[in-house]
N, C-alpha and C. Protein backbone atom coordinates (compact mmCIF):
# COMPACT_ATOMS: atom_id res chain seq x y z
N MET A 1 -51.04 -3.72 32.16
CA MET A 1 -51.71 -5.00 32.29
C MET A 1 -51.81 -5.35 33.76
N SER A 2 -52.97 -5.80 34.14
CA SER A 2 -53.24 -6.12 35.53
C SER A 2 -53.33 -7.63 35.73
N PRO A 3 -52.46 -8.19 36.58
CA PRO A 3 -52.55 -9.63 36.86
C PRO A 3 -53.90 -10.02 37.47
N VAL A 4 -54.49 -9.11 38.24
CA VAL A 4 -55.80 -9.39 38.85
C VAL A 4 -56.86 -9.53 37.75
N LEU A 5 -56.80 -8.68 36.76
CA LEU A 5 -57.73 -8.75 35.65
C LEU A 5 -57.52 -10.03 34.84
N VAL A 6 -56.28 -10.43 34.67
CA VAL A 6 -55.98 -11.67 33.96
C VAL A 6 -56.56 -12.87 34.71
N VAL A 7 -56.46 -12.85 36.03
CA VAL A 7 -57.05 -13.94 36.83
C VAL A 7 -58.57 -13.94 36.67
N ALA A 8 -59.19 -12.76 36.70
CA ALA A 8 -60.65 -12.68 36.52
C ALA A 8 -61.06 -13.20 35.14
N ILE A 9 -60.31 -12.84 34.12
CA ILE A 9 -60.58 -13.32 32.76
C ILE A 9 -60.46 -14.84 32.72
N THR A 10 -59.43 -15.36 33.35
CA THR A 10 -59.21 -16.81 33.36
C THR A 10 -60.35 -17.53 34.06
N VAL A 11 -60.78 -17.01 35.19
CA VAL A 11 -61.88 -17.65 35.94
C VAL A 11 -63.15 -17.68 35.09
N VAL A 12 -63.50 -16.55 34.49
CA VAL A 12 -64.71 -16.49 33.67
C VAL A 12 -64.57 -17.41 32.44
N ALA A 13 -63.40 -17.41 31.82
CA ALA A 13 -63.18 -18.24 30.63
C ALA A 13 -63.28 -19.73 30.97
N VAL A 14 -62.71 -20.14 32.09
CA VAL A 14 -62.77 -21.55 32.49
C VAL A 14 -64.19 -21.93 32.89
N LEU A 15 -64.90 -21.05 33.58
CA LEU A 15 -66.30 -21.33 33.92
C LEU A 15 -67.14 -21.47 32.65
N LEU A 16 -66.88 -20.61 31.68
CA LEU A 16 -67.58 -20.70 30.41
C LEU A 16 -67.27 -22.02 29.70
N ALA A 17 -66.01 -22.43 29.75
CA ALA A 17 -65.63 -23.72 29.15
C ALA A 17 -66.33 -24.88 29.87
N LEU A 18 -66.44 -24.80 31.18
CA LEU A 18 -67.14 -25.85 31.93
C LEU A 18 -68.62 -25.89 31.57
N LEU A 19 -69.23 -24.72 31.39
CA LEU A 19 -70.63 -24.66 30.95
C LEU A 19 -70.79 -25.30 29.57
N GLY A 20 -69.86 -25.02 28.70
CA GLY A 20 -69.89 -25.62 27.36
C GLY A 20 -69.73 -27.13 27.42
N ALA A 21 -68.84 -27.59 28.28
CA ALA A 21 -68.64 -29.04 28.44
C ALA A 21 -69.90 -29.70 29.00
N ALA A 22 -70.54 -29.04 29.95
CA ALA A 22 -71.77 -29.58 30.53
C ALA A 22 -72.86 -29.68 29.46
N ALA A 23 -72.98 -28.66 28.63
CA ALA A 23 -73.98 -28.69 27.56
C ALA A 23 -73.71 -29.83 26.59
N THR A 24 -72.45 -30.06 26.30
CA THR A 24 -72.09 -31.15 25.39
C THR A 24 -72.40 -32.50 26.03
N LEU A 25 -72.06 -32.65 27.30
CA LEU A 25 -72.28 -33.93 27.98
C LEU A 25 -73.75 -34.30 28.11
N VAL A 26 -74.61 -33.31 28.29
CA VAL A 26 -76.04 -33.60 28.39
C VAL A 26 -76.74 -33.50 27.04
N ARG A 27 -75.94 -33.35 25.99
CA ARG A 27 -76.42 -33.34 24.61
C ARG A 27 -77.44 -32.24 24.35
N ARG A 28 -77.09 -31.04 24.80
CA ARG A 28 -77.95 -29.87 24.61
C ARG A 28 -77.21 -28.80 23.82
N ARG A 29 -77.97 -27.96 23.17
CA ARG A 29 -77.37 -26.79 22.51
C ARG A 29 -77.09 -25.75 23.59
N ILE A 30 -76.32 -24.74 23.24
CA ILE A 30 -76.01 -23.71 24.22
C ILE A 30 -77.24 -22.84 24.46
N GLY A 31 -77.25 -22.20 25.63
CA GLY A 31 -78.40 -21.38 25.98
C GLY A 31 -78.02 -19.97 26.38
N LEU A 32 -78.93 -19.32 27.04
CA LEU A 32 -78.75 -17.93 27.45
C LEU A 32 -77.59 -17.77 28.43
N LEU A 33 -77.38 -18.75 29.28
CA LEU A 33 -76.28 -18.69 30.24
C LEU A 33 -74.92 -18.65 29.53
N HIS A 34 -74.80 -19.38 28.44
CA HIS A 34 -73.57 -19.37 27.64
C HIS A 34 -73.36 -18.00 26.99
N VAL A 35 -74.44 -17.45 26.49
CA VAL A 35 -74.36 -16.13 25.86
C VAL A 35 -73.96 -15.08 26.89
N ALA A 36 -74.60 -15.12 28.07
CA ALA A 36 -74.28 -14.15 29.12
C ALA A 36 -72.83 -14.30 29.57
N GLY A 37 -72.36 -15.53 29.71
CA GLY A 37 -70.96 -15.75 30.10
C GLY A 37 -69.99 -15.21 29.06
N THR A 38 -70.33 -15.37 27.81
CA THR A 38 -69.49 -14.85 26.73
C THR A 38 -69.48 -13.33 26.74
N VAL A 39 -70.62 -12.72 27.02
CA VAL A 39 -70.69 -11.26 27.08
C VAL A 39 -69.84 -10.73 28.24
N VAL A 40 -69.92 -11.38 29.40
CA VAL A 40 -69.10 -10.96 30.55
C VAL A 40 -67.63 -11.10 30.21
N LEU A 41 -67.27 -12.22 29.59
CA LEU A 41 -65.87 -12.43 29.19
C LEU A 41 -65.41 -11.36 28.22
N GLU A 42 -66.24 -11.02 27.25
CA GLU A 42 -65.86 -10.01 26.26
C GLU A 42 -65.71 -8.64 26.91
N ILE A 43 -66.56 -8.32 27.87
CA ILE A 43 -66.43 -7.04 28.58
C ILE A 43 -65.11 -6.98 29.33
N LEU A 44 -64.75 -8.06 30.01
CA LEU A 44 -63.46 -8.08 30.71
C LEU A 44 -62.30 -7.92 29.74
N LEU A 45 -62.40 -8.56 28.59
CA LEU A 45 -61.34 -8.44 27.58
C LEU A 45 -61.26 -7.03 27.02
N LEU A 46 -62.39 -6.38 26.85
CA LEU A 46 -62.38 -5.00 26.37
C LEU A 46 -61.76 -4.06 27.40
N VAL A 47 -62.02 -4.31 28.67
CA VAL A 47 -61.39 -3.52 29.74
C VAL A 47 -59.88 -3.73 29.69
N GLN A 48 -59.45 -4.98 29.55
CA GLN A 48 -58.02 -5.28 29.46
C GLN A 48 -57.40 -4.58 28.26
N ALA A 49 -58.08 -4.60 27.12
CA ALA A 49 -57.56 -3.95 25.92
C ALA A 49 -57.45 -2.45 26.12
N ALA A 50 -58.46 -1.86 26.75
CA ALA A 50 -58.42 -0.41 27.01
C ALA A 50 -57.24 -0.05 27.91
N ILE A 51 -57.03 -0.83 28.96
CA ILE A 51 -55.90 -0.59 29.87
C ILE A 51 -54.58 -0.70 29.12
N ALA A 52 -54.46 -1.73 28.30
CA ALA A 52 -53.22 -1.94 27.54
C ALA A 52 -52.99 -0.81 26.54
N LEU A 53 -54.04 -0.40 25.85
CA LEU A 53 -53.88 0.66 24.85
C LEU A 53 -53.56 2.00 25.52
N LEU A 54 -54.13 2.25 26.68
CA LEU A 54 -53.79 3.47 27.42
C LEU A 54 -52.33 3.45 27.86
N ALA A 55 -51.86 2.29 28.29
CA ALA A 55 -50.46 2.17 28.68
C ALA A 55 -49.54 2.37 27.48
N LEU A 56 -49.93 1.80 26.34
CA LEU A 56 -49.14 1.99 25.12
C LEU A 56 -49.12 3.45 24.71
N ALA A 57 -50.26 4.12 24.83
CA ALA A 57 -50.33 5.55 24.50
C ALA A 57 -49.49 6.38 25.47
N GLY A 58 -49.34 5.88 26.68
CA GLY A 58 -48.54 6.57 27.69
C GLY A 58 -47.05 6.33 27.54
N GLY A 59 -46.66 5.53 26.58
CA GLY A 59 -45.23 5.33 26.33
C GLY A 59 -44.68 3.98 26.76
N GLU A 60 -45.45 3.19 27.47
CA GLU A 60 -44.97 1.85 27.85
C GLU A 60 -45.03 0.95 26.62
N ARG A 61 -44.04 0.09 26.49
CA ARG A 61 -43.97 -0.80 25.35
C ARG A 61 -43.52 -2.19 25.79
N PRO A 62 -44.24 -3.23 25.36
CA PRO A 62 -43.73 -4.58 25.58
C PRO A 62 -42.55 -4.83 24.64
N ALA A 63 -41.75 -5.82 24.98
CA ALA A 63 -40.57 -6.10 24.16
C ALA A 63 -40.95 -6.43 22.72
N GLU A 64 -42.03 -7.18 22.55
CA GLU A 64 -42.49 -7.56 21.22
C GLU A 64 -43.85 -6.91 20.98
N THR A 65 -43.84 -5.66 20.60
CA THR A 65 -45.08 -4.89 20.48
C THR A 65 -46.02 -5.48 19.42
N ALA A 66 -45.50 -5.86 18.28
CA ALA A 66 -46.36 -6.41 17.22
C ALA A 66 -47.03 -7.70 17.67
N THR A 67 -46.27 -8.57 18.32
CA THR A 67 -46.84 -9.82 18.83
C THR A 67 -47.91 -9.53 19.87
N PHE A 68 -47.61 -8.60 20.76
CA PHE A 68 -48.56 -8.22 21.80
C PHE A 68 -49.86 -7.71 21.19
N LEU A 69 -49.76 -6.82 20.21
CA LEU A 69 -50.95 -6.27 19.58
C LEU A 69 -51.73 -7.34 18.82
N GLY A 70 -51.03 -8.28 18.23
CA GLY A 70 -51.69 -9.40 17.56
C GLY A 70 -52.50 -10.24 18.53
N TYR A 71 -51.89 -10.56 19.68
CA TYR A 71 -52.61 -11.31 20.71
C TYR A 71 -53.78 -10.49 21.25
N LEU A 72 -53.58 -9.21 21.45
CA LEU A 72 -54.62 -8.35 21.99
C LEU A 72 -55.84 -8.31 21.07
N LEU A 73 -55.61 -8.18 19.78
CA LEU A 73 -56.71 -8.19 18.82
C LEU A 73 -57.34 -9.58 18.73
N GLY A 74 -56.50 -10.59 18.68
CA GLY A 74 -56.99 -11.97 18.55
C GLY A 74 -57.86 -12.40 19.72
N VAL A 75 -57.43 -12.07 20.93
CA VAL A 75 -58.18 -12.50 22.11
C VAL A 75 -59.55 -11.82 22.16
N LEU A 76 -59.68 -10.65 21.57
CA LEU A 76 -60.98 -9.99 21.51
C LEU A 76 -61.93 -10.69 20.54
N LEU A 77 -61.39 -11.32 19.52
CA LEU A 77 -62.21 -11.95 18.49
C LEU A 77 -62.64 -13.38 18.84
N VAL A 78 -61.86 -14.07 19.64
CA VAL A 78 -62.13 -15.48 19.92
C VAL A 78 -63.50 -15.72 20.57
N PRO A 79 -63.87 -15.02 21.64
CA PRO A 79 -65.19 -15.30 22.23
C PRO A 79 -66.36 -14.98 21.28
N VAL A 80 -66.23 -13.90 20.53
CA VAL A 80 -67.29 -13.52 19.60
C VAL A 80 -67.41 -14.58 18.50
N ALA A 81 -66.30 -14.98 17.92
CA ALA A 81 -66.32 -15.99 16.87
C ALA A 81 -66.84 -17.32 17.42
N GLY A 82 -66.41 -17.68 18.62
CA GLY A 82 -66.88 -18.92 19.23
C GLY A 82 -68.37 -18.91 19.47
N LEU A 83 -68.89 -17.81 19.98
CA LEU A 83 -70.32 -17.72 20.24
C LEU A 83 -71.12 -17.76 18.93
N LEU A 84 -70.67 -17.01 17.93
CA LEU A 84 -71.38 -17.03 16.65
C LEU A 84 -71.38 -18.42 16.03
N TRP A 85 -70.25 -19.10 16.10
CA TRP A 85 -70.16 -20.45 15.55
C TRP A 85 -71.07 -21.40 16.34
N ALA A 86 -71.02 -21.30 17.67
CA ALA A 86 -71.82 -22.18 18.51
C ALA A 86 -73.32 -21.95 18.29
N ARG A 87 -73.71 -20.70 18.08
CA ARG A 87 -75.14 -20.40 17.89
C ARG A 87 -75.65 -20.94 16.55
N THR A 88 -74.77 -21.10 15.58
CA THR A 88 -75.20 -21.63 14.28
C THR A 88 -75.04 -23.15 14.19
N GLU A 89 -74.42 -23.75 15.18
CA GLU A 89 -74.19 -25.20 15.18
C GLU A 89 -75.49 -25.91 15.58
N PRO A 90 -76.08 -26.70 14.68
CA PRO A 90 -77.37 -27.32 14.98
C PRO A 90 -77.27 -28.58 15.85
N THR A 91 -76.09 -29.01 16.19
CA THR A 91 -75.95 -30.24 16.98
C THR A 91 -75.54 -29.91 18.41
N ARG A 92 -75.39 -30.96 19.20
CA ARG A 92 -74.99 -30.78 20.59
C ARG A 92 -73.54 -30.34 20.72
N TRP A 93 -72.77 -30.35 19.66
CA TRP A 93 -71.36 -30.01 19.71
C TRP A 93 -71.10 -28.51 19.80
N ALA A 94 -72.14 -27.72 19.83
CA ALA A 94 -71.99 -26.27 20.02
C ALA A 94 -71.27 -25.98 21.34
N GLY A 95 -71.55 -26.78 22.35
CA GLY A 95 -70.86 -26.62 23.63
C GLY A 95 -69.36 -26.84 23.50
N GLY A 96 -68.96 -27.74 22.62
CA GLY A 96 -67.54 -27.98 22.38
C GLY A 96 -66.84 -26.77 21.82
N VAL A 97 -67.54 -26.03 20.99
CA VAL A 97 -66.98 -24.79 20.44
C VAL A 97 -66.75 -23.79 21.57
N ILE A 98 -67.69 -23.71 22.50
CA ILE A 98 -67.57 -22.81 23.64
C ILE A 98 -66.40 -23.25 24.53
N VAL A 99 -66.23 -24.55 24.71
CA VAL A 99 -65.10 -25.06 25.50
C VAL A 99 -63.78 -24.58 24.91
N VAL A 100 -63.62 -24.78 23.61
CA VAL A 100 -62.38 -24.38 22.95
C VAL A 100 -62.16 -22.88 23.05
N ALA A 101 -63.20 -22.10 22.81
CA ALA A 101 -63.06 -20.64 22.87
C ALA A 101 -62.67 -20.20 24.28
N GLY A 102 -63.30 -20.75 25.30
CA GLY A 102 -62.97 -20.38 26.67
C GLY A 102 -61.53 -20.72 27.03
N LEU A 103 -61.09 -21.92 26.66
CA LEU A 103 -59.73 -22.32 26.99
C LEU A 103 -58.69 -21.51 26.21
N VAL A 104 -58.99 -21.21 24.97
CA VAL A 104 -58.08 -20.38 24.16
C VAL A 104 -57.92 -19.00 24.78
N VAL A 105 -59.03 -18.41 25.21
CA VAL A 105 -58.97 -17.08 25.83
C VAL A 105 -58.15 -17.13 27.11
N ALA A 106 -58.33 -18.16 27.92
CA ALA A 106 -57.57 -18.28 29.17
C ALA A 106 -56.07 -18.31 28.90
N VAL A 107 -55.66 -19.09 27.92
CA VAL A 107 -54.24 -19.20 27.59
C VAL A 107 -53.72 -17.89 26.99
N MET A 108 -54.50 -17.28 26.11
CA MET A 108 -54.05 -16.04 25.47
C MET A 108 -53.94 -14.89 26.47
N ALA A 109 -54.81 -14.87 27.47
CA ALA A 109 -54.73 -13.81 28.48
C ALA A 109 -53.41 -13.90 29.25
N TRP A 110 -53.01 -15.10 29.60
CA TRP A 110 -51.74 -15.27 30.32
C TRP A 110 -50.55 -14.96 29.42
N ARG A 111 -50.67 -15.31 28.14
CA ARG A 111 -49.59 -15.00 27.20
C ARG A 111 -49.45 -13.49 27.04
N LEU A 112 -50.57 -12.76 27.00
CA LEU A 112 -50.51 -11.30 26.93
C LEU A 112 -49.78 -10.73 28.15
N LEU A 113 -50.10 -11.24 29.32
CA LEU A 113 -49.43 -10.77 30.54
C LEU A 113 -47.94 -11.09 30.48
N GLN A 114 -47.62 -12.27 30.00
CA GLN A 114 -46.21 -12.67 29.88
C GLN A 114 -45.46 -11.74 28.92
N LEU A 115 -46.06 -11.42 27.79
CA LEU A 115 -45.43 -10.51 26.83
C LEU A 115 -45.25 -9.12 27.44
N TRP A 116 -46.24 -8.66 28.17
CA TRP A 116 -46.19 -7.34 28.77
C TRP A 116 -45.11 -7.27 29.85
N GLU A 117 -45.05 -8.29 30.67
CA GLU A 117 -44.11 -8.29 31.79
C GLU A 117 -42.68 -8.55 31.32
N ALA A 118 -42.48 -9.11 30.15
CA ALA A 118 -41.12 -9.36 29.64
C ALA A 118 -40.36 -8.05 29.46
N ALA A 119 -41.07 -7.00 29.17
CA ALA A 119 -40.42 -5.69 28.97
C ALA A 119 -39.89 -5.15 30.31
N ARG A 120 -40.53 -5.53 31.39
CA ARG A 120 -40.12 -5.03 32.70
C ARG A 120 -39.00 -5.85 33.31
N GLY A 121 -38.94 -7.12 32.90
CA GLY A 121 -37.96 -8.02 33.52
C GLY A 121 -36.66 -7.90 32.87
């Protein structure tokens, strides 16, 4: 797990949440910028998952492997589920869904790093 990658994920997730909040405040549905931000976030998360799985295959193990794997799978699903939900939301509250998804991903990314680093400490 790379702390630099976690910071990048956090920055993109928070920017996405801010975009969602802006859409909600101006009473608009989400647009192409929200979709692109979600795609970038998902790509970063897939890179993080690949790095983590390669490390696991190489013999490194977090202290709570099952919890770590649960978070790893969950964090991959949150942006996709948030985007799908937001795209089907016919009201201005679609941006709120994006806000929640972005903030959840930011917190989960740091929790993954914390779980990973607990094995080393």
